[in-house]
Amino acid sequence: MASRIRIEVDPAMEELRNMRPSRVTVRLRNGDVLTAYRELPRGEPEEPYTWDDIVEKFRELNPGYETERLEVIKEADQEPVAEVMLELSGR
């Protein structure tokens, strides 16, 4: 797959360098072309992920984990680390 990927610099985006823009174009076997563009990647300080975004990503990567346990992270700075870790491990 890597041999089919091409990275190109778009001179039109150079003026947006501080925004870190990117465009992805995918050409499908049936000839369709899909394109996505973002001036600023999600997760950057200017456009941070929400708590729900983070939990959803965690859920995708850890199927079966009871994500309700993650709520303890919100108060983690007020609790001893050992207690937070025990809560997260489900013990």
PDB file of N, CA and C in Angstrom:
ATOM      1  N   MET A   1       0.826  -1.192   0.000  1.00  0.00           N
ATOM      2  CA  MET A   1       0.000   0.000   0.000  1.00  0.00           C
ATOM      3  C   MET A   1       0.867   1.251   0.000  1.00  0.00           C
ATOM      4  N   ALA A   2       1.978   1.220   0.728  1.00  0.00           N
ATOM      5  CA  ALA A   2       2.830   2.408   0.837  1.00  0.00           C
ATOM      6  C   ALA A   2       3.340   2.866  -0.530  1.00  0.00           C
ATOM      7  N   SER A   3       3.565   1.950  -1.431  1.00  0.00           N
ATOM      8  CA  SER A   3       4.071   2.329  -2.748  1.00  0.00           C
ATOM      9  C   SER A   3       3.022   3.078  -3.567  1.00  0.00           C
ATOM     10  N   ARG A   4       1.779   3.025  -3.144  1.00  0.00           N
ATOM     11  CA  ARG A   4       0.704   3.701  -3.871  1.00  0.00           C
ATOM     12  C   ARG A   4       0.381   5.077  -3.296  1.00  0.00           C
ATOM     13  N   ILE A   5       1.102   5.481  -2.271  1.00  0.00           N
ATOM     14  CA  ILE A   5       0.860   6.775  -1.621  1.00  0.00           C
ATOM     15  C   ILE A   5       1.850   7.796  -2.156  1.00  0.00           C
ATOM     16  N   ARG A   6       1.328   8.970  -2.476  1.00  0.00           N
ATOM     17  CA  ARG A   6       2.157  10.073  -2.961  1.00  0.00           C
ATOM     18  C   ARG A   6       1.915  11.283  -2.067  1.00  0.00           C
ATOM     19  N   ILE A   7       2.972  11.913  -1.625  1.00  0.00           N
ATOM     20  CA  ILE A   7       2.867  13.128  -0.820  1.00  0.00           C
ATOM     21  C   ILE A   7       3.372  14.281  -1.669  1.00  0.00           C
ATOM     22  N   GLU A   8       2.543  15.319  -1.764  1.00  0.00           N
ATOM     23  CA  GLU A   8       2.900  16.478  -2.568  1.00  0.00           C
ATOM     24  C   GLU A   8       2.693  17.746  -1.759  1.00  0.00           C
ATOM     25  N   VAL A   9       3.526  18.741  -2.007  1.00  0.00           N
ATOM     26  CA  VAL A   9       3.369  20.051  -1.389  1.00  0.00           C
ATOM     27  C   VAL A   9       2.484  20.879  -2.303  1.00  0.00           C
ATOM     28  N   ASP A  10       1.445  21.474  -1.727  1.00  0.00           N
ATOM     29  CA  ASP A  10       0.542  22.332  -2.484  1.00  0.00           C
ATOM     30  C   ASP A  10       0.944  23.778  -2.227  1.00  0.00           C
ATOM     31  N   PRO A  11       1.514  24.459  -3.214  1.00  0.00           N
ATOM     32  CA  PRO A  11       1.957  25.842  -3.014  1.00  0.00           C
ATOM     33  C   PRO A  11       0.838  26.767  -2.530  1.00  0.00           C
ATOM     34  N   ALA A  12      -0.399  26.469  -2.895  1.00  0.00           N
ATOM     35  CA  ALA A  12      -1.528  27.306  -2.459  1.00  0.00           C
ATOM     36  C   ALA A  12      -1.727  27.244  -0.951  1.00  0.00           C
ATOM     37  N   MET A  13      -1.247  26.184  -0.321  1.00  0.00           N
ATOM     38  CA  MET A  13      -1.399  26.041   1.133  1.00  0.00           C
ATOM     39  C   MET A  13      -0.268  26.694   1.909  1.00  0.00           C
ATOM     40  N   GLU A  14       0.782  27.085   1.240  1.00  0.00           N
ATOM     41  CA  GLU A  14       1.939  27.675   1.915  1.00  0.00           C
ATOM     42  C   GLU A  14       1.562  28.888   2.754  1.00  0.00           C
ATOM     43  N   GLU A  15       0.625  29.693   2.294  1.00  0.00           N
ATOM     44  CA  GLU A  15       0.233  30.883   3.056  1.00  0.00           C
ATOM     45  C   GLU A  15      -0.535  30.517   4.322  1.00  0.00           C
ATOM     46  N   LEU A  16      -1.034  29.291   4.414  1.00  0.00           N
ATOM     47  CA  LEU A  16      -1.752  28.820   5.606  1.00  0.00           C
ATOM     48  C   LEU A  16      -0.853  27.981   6.511  1.00  0.00           C
ATOM     49  N   ARG A  17       0.433  28.097   6.334  1.00  0.00           N
ATOM     50  CA  ARG A  17       1.401  27.268   7.063  1.00  0.00           C
ATOM     51  C   ARG A  17       1.159  27.247   8.564  1.00  0.00           C
ATOM     52  N   ASN A  18       0.774  28.374   9.162  1.00  0.00           N
ATOM     53  CA  ASN A  18       0.547  28.428  10.605  1.00  0.00           C
ATOM     54  C   ASN A  18      -0.678  27.630  11.040  1.00  0.00           C
ATOM     55  N   MET A  19      -1.550  27.312  10.093  1.00  0.00           N
ATOM     56  CA  MET A  19      -2.747  26.545  10.414  1.00  0.00           C
ATOM     57  C   MET A  19      -2.512  25.037  10.262  1.00  0.00           C
ATOM     58  N   ARG A  20      -1.442  24.636   9.620  1.00  0.00           N
ATOM     59  CA  ARG A  20      -1.110  23.235   9.381  1.00  0.00           C
ATOM     60  C   ARG A  20      -2.181  22.520   8.542  1.00  0.00           C
ATOM     61  N   PRO A  21      -2.497  23.079   7.359  1.00  0.00           N
ATOM     62  CA  PRO A  21      -3.545  22.490   6.524  1.00  0.00           C
ATOM     63  C   PRO A  21      -3.115  21.175   5.878  1.00  0.00           C
ATOM     64  N   SER A  22      -4.107  20.386   5.491  1.00  0.00           N
ATOM     65  CA  SER A  22      -3.824  19.161   4.742  1.00  0.00           C
ATOM     66  C   SER A  22      -5.042  18.792   3.893  1.00  0.00           C
ATOM     67  N   ARG A  23      -4.741  18.117   2.813  1.00  0.00           N
ATOM     68  CA  ARG A  23      -5.792  17.621   1.928  1.00  0.00           C
ATOM     69  C   ARG A  23      -5.436  16.175   1.606  1.00  0.00           C
ATOM     70  N   VAL A  24      -6.421  15.311   1.677  1.00  0.00           N
ATOM     71  CA  VAL A  24      -6.235  13.905   1.336  1.00  0.00           C
ATOM     72  C   VAL A  24      -7.184  13.581   0.193  1.00  0.00           C
ATOM     73  N   THR A  25      -6.634  12.978  -0.852  1.00  0.00           N
ATOM     74  CA  THR A  25      -7.437  12.561  -1.994  1.00  0.00           C
ATOM     75  C   THR A  25      -7.244  11.063  -2.185  1.00  0.00           C
ATOM     76  N   VAL A  26      -8.353  10.347  -2.305  1.00  0.00           N
ATOM     77  CA  VAL A  26      -8.318   8.895  -2.510  1.00  0.00           C
ATOM     78  C   VAL A  26      -9.027   8.594  -3.826  1.00  0.00           C
ATOM     79  N   ARG A  27      -8.338   7.889  -4.696  1.00  0.00           N
ATOM     80  CA  ARG A  27      -8.925   7.464  -5.963  1.00  0.00           C
ATOM     81  C   ARG A  27      -9.310   5.995  -5.837  1.00  0.00           C
ATOM     82  N   LEU A  28     -10.587   5.708  -5.972  1.00  0.00           N
ATOM     83  CA  LEU A  28     -11.090   4.347  -5.825  1.00  0.00           C
ATOM     84  C   LEU A  28     -10.983   3.580  -7.143  1.00  0.00           C
ATOM     85  N   ARG A  29     -11.015   2.278  -7.050  1.00  0.00           N
ATOM     86  CA  ARG A  29     -10.910   1.438  -8.244  1.00  0.00           C
ATOM     87  C   ARG A  29     -12.005   1.736  -9.266  1.00  0.00           C
ATOM     88  N   ASN A  30     -13.185   2.120  -8.781  1.00  0.00           N
ATOM     89  CA  ASN A  30     -14.295   2.384  -9.700  1.00  0.00           C
ATOM     90  C   ASN A  30     -14.202   3.767 -10.349  1.00  0.00           C
ATOM     91  N   GLY A  31     -13.119   4.515 -10.040  1.00  0.00           N
ATOM     92  CA  GLY A  31     -12.911   5.823 -10.645  1.00  0.00           C
ATOM     93  C   GLY A  31     -13.365   6.989  -9.788  1.00  0.00           C
ATOM     94  N   ASP A  32     -14.120   6.718  -8.729  1.00  0.00           N
ATOM     95  CA  ASP A  32     -14.552   7.795  -7.837  1.00  0.00           C
ATOM     96  C   ASP A  32     -13.343   8.407  -7.137  1.00  0.00           C
ATOM     97  N   VAL A  33     -13.437   9.703  -6.860  1.00  0.00           N
ATOM     98  CA  VAL A  33     -12.377  10.414  -6.150  1.00  0.00           C
ATOM     99  C   VAL A  33     -12.990  11.041  -4.903  1.00  0.00           C
ATOM    100  N   LEU A  34     -12.426  10.724  -3.744  1.00  0.00           N
ATOM    101  CA  LEU A  34     -12.874  11.273  -2.468  1.00  0.00           C
ATOM    102  C   LEU A  34     -11.804  12.214  -1.946  1.00  0.00           C
ATOM    103  N   THR A  35     -12.219  13.396  -1.488  1.00  0.00           N
ATOM    104  CA  THR A  35     -11.264  14.375  -0.987  1.00  0.00           C
ATOM    105  C   THR A  35     -11.736  14.922   0.350  1.00  0.00           C
ATOM    106  N   ALA A  36     -10.797  15.094   1.272  1.00  0.00           N
ATOM    107  CA  ALA A  36     -11.077  15.724   2.566  1.00  0.00           C
ATOM    108  C   ALA A  36     -10.029  16.809   2.787  1.00  0.00           C
ATOM    109  N   TYR A  37     -10.445  17.929   3.354  1.00  0.00           N
ATOM    110  CA  TYR A  37      -9.541  19.059   3.589  1.00  0.00           C
ATOM    111  C   TYR A  37      -9.776  19.612   4.982  1.00  0.00           C
ATOM    112  N   ARG A  38      -8.701  19.943   5.658  1.00  0.00           N
ATOM    113  CA  ARG A  38      -8.779  20.605   6.960  1.00  0.00           C
ATOM    114  C   ARG A  38      -7.687  21.652   7.024  1.00  0.00           C
ATOM    115  N   GLU A  39      -8.055  22.840   7.511  1.00  0.00           N
ATOM    116  CA  GLU A  39      -7.032  23.876   7.708  1.00  0.00           C
ATOM    117  C   GLU A  39      -6.248  23.603   8.980  1.00  0.00           C
ATOM    118  N   LEU A  40      -6.912  23.030   9.970  1.00  0.00           N
ATOM    119  CA  LEU A  40      -6.282  22.778  11.256  1.00  0.00           C
ATOM    120  C   LEU A  40      -6.682  21.387  11.735  1.00  0.00           C
ATOM    121  N   PRO A  41      -5.713  20.531  12.025  1.00  0.00           N
ATOM    122  CA  PRO A  41      -6.051  19.183  12.492  1.00  0.00           C
ATOM    123  C   PRO A  41      -6.784  19.197  13.824  1.00  0.00           C
ATOM    124  N   ARG A  42      -7.734  18.286  13.988  1.00  0.00           N
ATOM    125  CA  ARG A  42      -8.414  18.140  15.274  1.00  0.00           C
ATOM    126  C   ARG A  42      -7.402  17.660  16.303  1.00  0.00           C
ATOM    127  N   GLY A  43      -7.578  18.085  17.528  1.00  0.00           N
ATOM    128  CA  GLY A  43      -6.673  17.696  18.591  1.00  0.00           C
ATOM    129  C   GLY A  43      -5.582  18.721  18.855  1.00  0.00           C
ATOM    130  N   GLU A  44      -5.463  19.695  17.976  1.00  0.00           N
ATOM    131  CA  GLU A  44      -4.489  20.768  18.189  1.00  0.00           C
ATOM    132  C   GLU A  44      -5.007  21.695  19.291  1.00  0.00           C
ATOM    133  N   PRO A  45      -4.131  22.466  19.933  1.00  0.00           N
ATOM    134  CA  PRO A  45      -4.577  23.366  21.000  1.00  0.00           C
ATOM    135  C   PRO A  45      -5.693  24.315  20.555  1.00  0.00           C
ATOM    136  N   GLU A  46      -5.672  24.704  19.290  1.00  0.00           N
ATOM    137  CA  GLU A  46      -6.709  25.616  18.804  1.00  0.00           C
ATOM    138  C   GLU A  46      -8.040  24.908  18.560  1.00  0.00           C
ATOM    139  N   GLU A  47      -8.019  23.595  18.431  1.00  0.00           N
ATOM    140  CA  GLU A  47      -9.233  22.808  18.215  1.00  0.00           C
ATOM    141  C   GLU A  47      -9.110  21.475  18.961  1.00  0.00           C
ATOM    142  N   PRO A  48      -9.156  21.540  20.288  1.00  0.00           N
ATOM    143  CA  PRO A  48      -8.927  20.333  21.091  1.00  0.00           C
ATOM    144  C   PRO A  48     -10.077  19.325  20.993  1.00  0.00           C
ATOM    145  N   TYR A  49      -9.757  18.081  21.291  1.00  0.00           N
ATOM    146  CA  TYR A  49     -10.779  17.048  21.371  1.00  0.00           C
ATOM    147  C   TYR A  49     -11.649  17.306  22.595  1.00  0.00           C
ATOM    148  N   THR A  50     -12.917  16.944  22.496  1.00  0.00           N
ATOM    149  CA  THR A  50     -13.805  17.020  23.652  1.00  0.00           C
ATOM    150  C   THR A  50     -13.641  15.747  24.472  1.00  0.00           C
ATOM    151  N   TRP A  51     -14.162  15.761  25.671  1.00  0.00           N
ATOM    152  CA  TRP A  51     -14.133  14.561  26.518  1.00  0.00           C
ATOM    153  C   TRP A  51     -14.822  13.411  25.793  1.00  0.00           C
ATOM    154  N   ASP A  52     -15.968  13.682  25.161  1.00  0.00           N
ATOM    155  CA  ASP A  52     -16.699  12.637  24.451  1.00  0.00           C
ATOM    156  C   ASP A  52     -15.883  12.069  23.286  1.00  0.00           C
ATOM    157  N   ASP A  53     -15.125  12.919  22.583  1.00  0.00           N
ATOM    158  CA  ASP A  53     -14.253  12.446  21.501  1.00  0.00           C
ATOM    159  C   ASP A  53     -13.221  11.459  22.041  1.00  0.00           C
ATOM    160  N   ILE A  54     -12.632  11.799  23.170  1.00  0.00           N
ATOM    161  CA  ILE A  54     -11.588  10.964  23.767  1.00  0.00           C
ATOM    162  C   ILE A  54     -12.158   9.627  24.216  1.00  0.00           C
ATOM    163  N   VAL A  55     -13.320   9.665  24.868  1.00  0.00           N
ATOM    164  CA  VAL A  55     -13.941   8.425  25.341  1.00  0.00           C
ATOM    165  C   VAL A  55     -14.335   7.542  24.157  1.00  0.00           C
ATOM    166  N   GLU A  56     -14.864   8.134  23.099  1.00  0.00           N
ATOM    167  CA  GLU A  56     -15.248   7.350  21.924  1.00  0.00           C
ATOM    168  C   GLU A  56     -14.035   6.674  21.302  1.00  0.00           C
ATOM    169  N   LYS A  57     -12.931   7.388  21.170  1.00  0.00           N
ATOM    170  CA  LYS A  57     -11.707   6.803  20.622  1.00  0.00           C
ATOM    171  C   LYS A  57     -11.208   5.669  21.517  1.00  0.00           C
ATOM    172  N   PHE A  58     -11.241   5.887  22.834  1.00  0.00           N
ATOM    173  CA  PHE A  58     -10.831   4.848  23.784  1.00  0.00           C
ATOM    174  C   PHE A  58     -11.718   3.614  23.619  1.00  0.00           C
ATOM    175  N   ARG A  59     -13.023   3.833  23.460  1.00  0.00           N
ATOM    176  CA  ARG A  59     -13.979   2.734  23.296  1.00  0.00           C
ATOM    177  C   ARG A  59     -13.659   1.935  22.025  1.00  0.00           C
ATOM    178  N   GLU A  60     -13.307   2.632  20.941  1.00  0.00           N
ATOM    179  CA  GLU A  60     -12.960   1.952  19.692  1.00  0.00           C
ATOM    180  C   GLU A  60     -11.713   1.090  19.852  1.00  0.00           C
ATOM    181  N   LEU A  61     -10.738   1.585  20.612  1.00  0.00           N
ATOM    182  CA  LEU A  61      -9.476   0.875  20.784  1.00  0.00           C
ATOM    183  C   LEU A  61      -9.523  -0.191  21.870  1.00  0.00           C
ATOM    184  N   ASN A  62     -10.529  -0.115  22.750  1.00  0.00           N
ATOM    185  CA  ASN A  62     -10.626  -1.033  23.888  1.00  0.00           C
ATOM    186  C   ASN A  62     -12.043  -1.588  24.008  1.00  0.00           C
ATOM    187  N   PRO A  63     -12.498  -2.342  23.007  1.00  0.00           N
ATOM    188  CA  PRO A  63     -13.862  -2.862  23.079  1.00  0.00           C
ATOM    189  C   PRO A  63     -14.047  -3.726  24.319  1.00  0.00           C
ATOM    190  N   GLY A  64     -15.178  -3.568  24.946  1.00  0.00           N
ATOM    191  CA  GLY A  64     -15.470  -4.362  26.133  1.00  0.00           C
ATOM    192  C   GLY A  64     -15.105  -3.673  27.442  1.00  0.00           C
ATOM    193  N   TYR A  65     -14.270  -2.629  27.383  1.00  0.00           N
ATOM    194  CA  TYR A  65     -13.905  -1.908  28.602  1.00  0.00           C
ATOM    195  C   TYR A  65     -15.077  -1.031  29.017  1.00  0.00           C
ATOM    196  N   GLU A  66     -15.389  -1.046  30.298  1.00  0.00           N
ATOM    197  CA  GLU A  66     -16.484  -0.230  30.821  1.00  0.00           C
ATOM    198  C   GLU A  66     -16.010   1.222  30.911  1.00  0.00           C
ATOM    199  N   THR A  67     -16.328   2.014  29.900  1.00  0.00           N
ATOM    200  CA  THR A  67     -15.812   3.373  29.826  1.00  0.00           C
ATOM    201  C   THR A  67     -16.356   4.289  30.922  1.00  0.00           C
ATOM    202  N   GLU A  68     -17.386   3.848  31.626  1.00  0.00           N
ATOM    203  CA  GLU A  68     -17.875   4.650  32.748  1.00  0.00           C
ATOM    204  C   GLU A  68     -16.776   4.831  33.799  1.00  0.00           C
ATOM    205  N   ARG A  69     -15.865   3.855  33.873  1.00  0.00           N
ATOM    206  CA  ARG A  69     -14.749   3.948  34.827  1.00  0.00           C
ATOM    207  C   ARG A  69     -13.834   5.125  34.515  1.00  0.00           C
ATOM    208  N   LEU A  70     -13.835   5.591  33.283  1.00  0.00           N
ATOM    209  CA  LEU A  70     -12.954   6.688  32.904  1.00  0.00           C
ATOM    210  C   LEU A  70     -13.330   8.005  33.573  1.00  0.00           C
ATOM    211  N   GLU A  71     -14.531   8.099  34.083  1.00  0.00           N
ATOM    212  CA  GLU A  71     -14.970   9.324  34.753  1.00  0.00           C
ATOM    213  C   GLU A  71     -14.021   9.704  35.899  1.00  0.00           C
ATOM    214  N   VAL A  72     -13.357   8.717  36.503  1.00  0.00           N
ATOM    215  CA  VAL A  72     -12.443   8.990  37.610  1.00  0.00           C
ATOM    216  C   VAL A  72     -11.278   9.878  37.149  1.00  0.00           C
ATOM    217  N   ILE A  73     -10.958   9.856  35.863  1.00  0.00           N
ATOM    218  CA  ILE A  73      -9.859  10.672  35.344  1.00  0.00           C
ATOM    219  C   ILE A  73     -10.160  12.155  35.514  1.00  0.00           C
ATOM    220  N   LYS A  74     -11.432  12.526  35.412  1.00  0.00           N
ATOM    221  CA  LYS A  74     -11.797  13.937  35.548  1.00  0.00           C
ATOM    222  C   LYS A  74     -11.403  14.506  36.907  1.00  0.00           C
ATOM    223  N   GLU A  75     -11.400  13.673  37.932  1.00  0.00           N
ATOM    224  CA  GLU A  75     -11.025  14.129  39.272  1.00  0.00           C
ATOM    225  C   GLU A  75      -9.640  13.624  39.679  1.00  0.00           C
ATOM    226  N   ALA A  76      -8.889  13.098  38.726  1.00  0.00           N
ATOM    227  CA  ALA A  76      -7.607  12.454  39.034  1.00  0.00           C
ATOM    228  C   ALA A  76      -6.617  13.369  39.723  1.00  0.00           C
ATOM    229  N   ASP A  77      -6.675  14.660  39.440  1.00  0.00           N
ATOM    230  CA  ASP A  77      -5.713  15.559  40.071  1.00  0.00           C
ATOM    231  C   ASP A  77      -6.012  15.786  41.545  1.00  0.00           C
ATOM    232  N   GLN A  78      -7.174  15.316  42.008  1.00  0.00           N
ATOM    233  CA  GLN A  78      -7.554  15.492  43.406  1.00  0.00           C
ATOM    234  C   GLN A  78      -7.460  14.197  44.209  1.00  0.00           C
ATOM    235  N   GLU A  79      -7.146  13.098  43.542  1.00  0.00           N
ATOM    236  CA  GLU A  79      -7.103  11.784  44.192  1.00  0.00           C
ATOM    237  C   GLU A  79      -5.686  11.206  44.141  1.00  0.00           C
ATOM    238  N   PRO A  80      -5.330  10.362  45.101  1.00  0.00           N
ATOM    239  CA  PRO A  80      -4.035   9.680  45.036  1.00  0.00           C
ATOM    240  C   PRO A  80      -3.963   8.805  43.785  1.00  0.00           C
ATOM    241  N   VAL A  81      -2.820   8.790  43.132  1.00  0.00           N
ATOM    242  CA  VAL A  81      -2.646   8.056  41.885  1.00  0.00           C
ATOM    243  C   VAL A  81      -2.997   6.580  42.051  1.00  0.00           C
ATOM    244  N   ALA A  82      -2.628   5.987  43.159  1.00  0.00           N
ATOM    245  CA  ALA A  82      -2.903   4.569  43.372  1.00  0.00           C
ATOM    246  C   ALA A  82      -4.400   4.290  43.339  1.00  0.00           C
ATOM    247  N   GLU A  83      -5.192   5.166  43.923  1.00  0.00           N
ATOM    248  CA  GLU A  83      -6.649   4.976  43.912  1.00  0.00           C
ATOM    249  C   GLU A  83      -7.223   5.113  42.508  1.00  0.00           C
ATOM    250  N   VAL A  84      -6.720   6.075  41.761  1.00  0.00           N
ATOM    251  CA  VAL A  84      -7.189   6.263  40.384  1.00  0.00           C
ATOM    252  C   VAL A  84      -6.860   5.012  39.557  1.00  0.00           C
ATOM    253  N   MET A  85      -5.646   4.475  39.686  1.00  0.00           N
ATOM    254  CA  MET A  85      -5.252   3.308  38.928  1.00  0.00           C
ATOM    255  C   MET A  85      -6.089   2.092  39.299  1.00  0.00           C
ATOM    256  N   LEU A  86      -6.386   1.924  40.568  1.00  0.00           N
ATOM    257  CA  LEU A  86      -7.238   0.807  40.983  1.00  0.00           C
ATOM    258  C   LEU A  86      -8.639   0.930  40.382  1.00  0.00           C
ATOM    259  N   GLU A  87      -9.174   2.129  40.382  1.00  0.00           N
ATOM    260  CA  GLU A  87     -10.488   2.377  39.797  1.00  0.00           C
ATOM    261  C   GLU A  87     -10.494   2.047  38.312  1.00  0.00           C
ATOM    262  N   LEU A  88      -9.475   2.477  37.592  1.00  0.00           N
ATOM    263  CA  LEU A  88      -9.396   2.234  36.162  1.00  0.00           C
ATOM    264  C   LEU A  88      -9.231   0.757  35.836  1.00  0.00           C
ATOM    265  N   SER A  89      -8.539   0.026  36.694  1.00  0.00           N
ATOM    266  CA  SER A  89      -8.313  -1.399  36.442  1.00  0.00           C
ATOM    267  C   SER A  89      -9.522  -2.245  36.817  1.00  0.00           C
ATOM    268  N   GLY A  90     -10.489  -1.641  37.496  1.00  0.00           N
ATOM    269  CA  GLY A  90     -11.708  -2.360  37.855  1.00  0.00           C
ATOM    270  C   GLY A  90     -11.593  -3.191  39.115  1.00  0.00           C
ATOM    271  N   ARG A  91     -10.573  -2.934  39.895  1.00  0.00           N
ATOM    272  CA  ARG A  91     -10.405  -3.715  41.144  1.00  0.00           C
ATOM    273  C   ARG A  91     -11.133  -3.082  42.291  1.00  0.00           C
TER     274      ARG A  91
END
